[in-house]
Amino acid sequence: MRLADVYATITFYLNHQQEVEAYLKNRQQEAQSIRQMNQTRFDPQGLRDCMPRACAYRLLARKVEQQA
């Protein structure tokens, strides 16, 4: 990365600070919404508790079911 690119990025941010902050806030809200949706669809505790190989088989079986 060139120093000029760093300065250009800083300049853009300083000239568009409100828009950048609004964009970042929106992205954080979208990420939280998606995280909540995924936690509703997939039990996070169940995924943490199972052994890696068992999880892989379970996920593969789920994928096959969805494709059928």
Foldseek 3Di string as FASTA:
>chain_A
DDPVVVVVVVVVCVVCVVVVVVVVVVVVVVVVVVVVVVCVVDVPVVVVPDDPVVNVVVVVVVVVVVVD
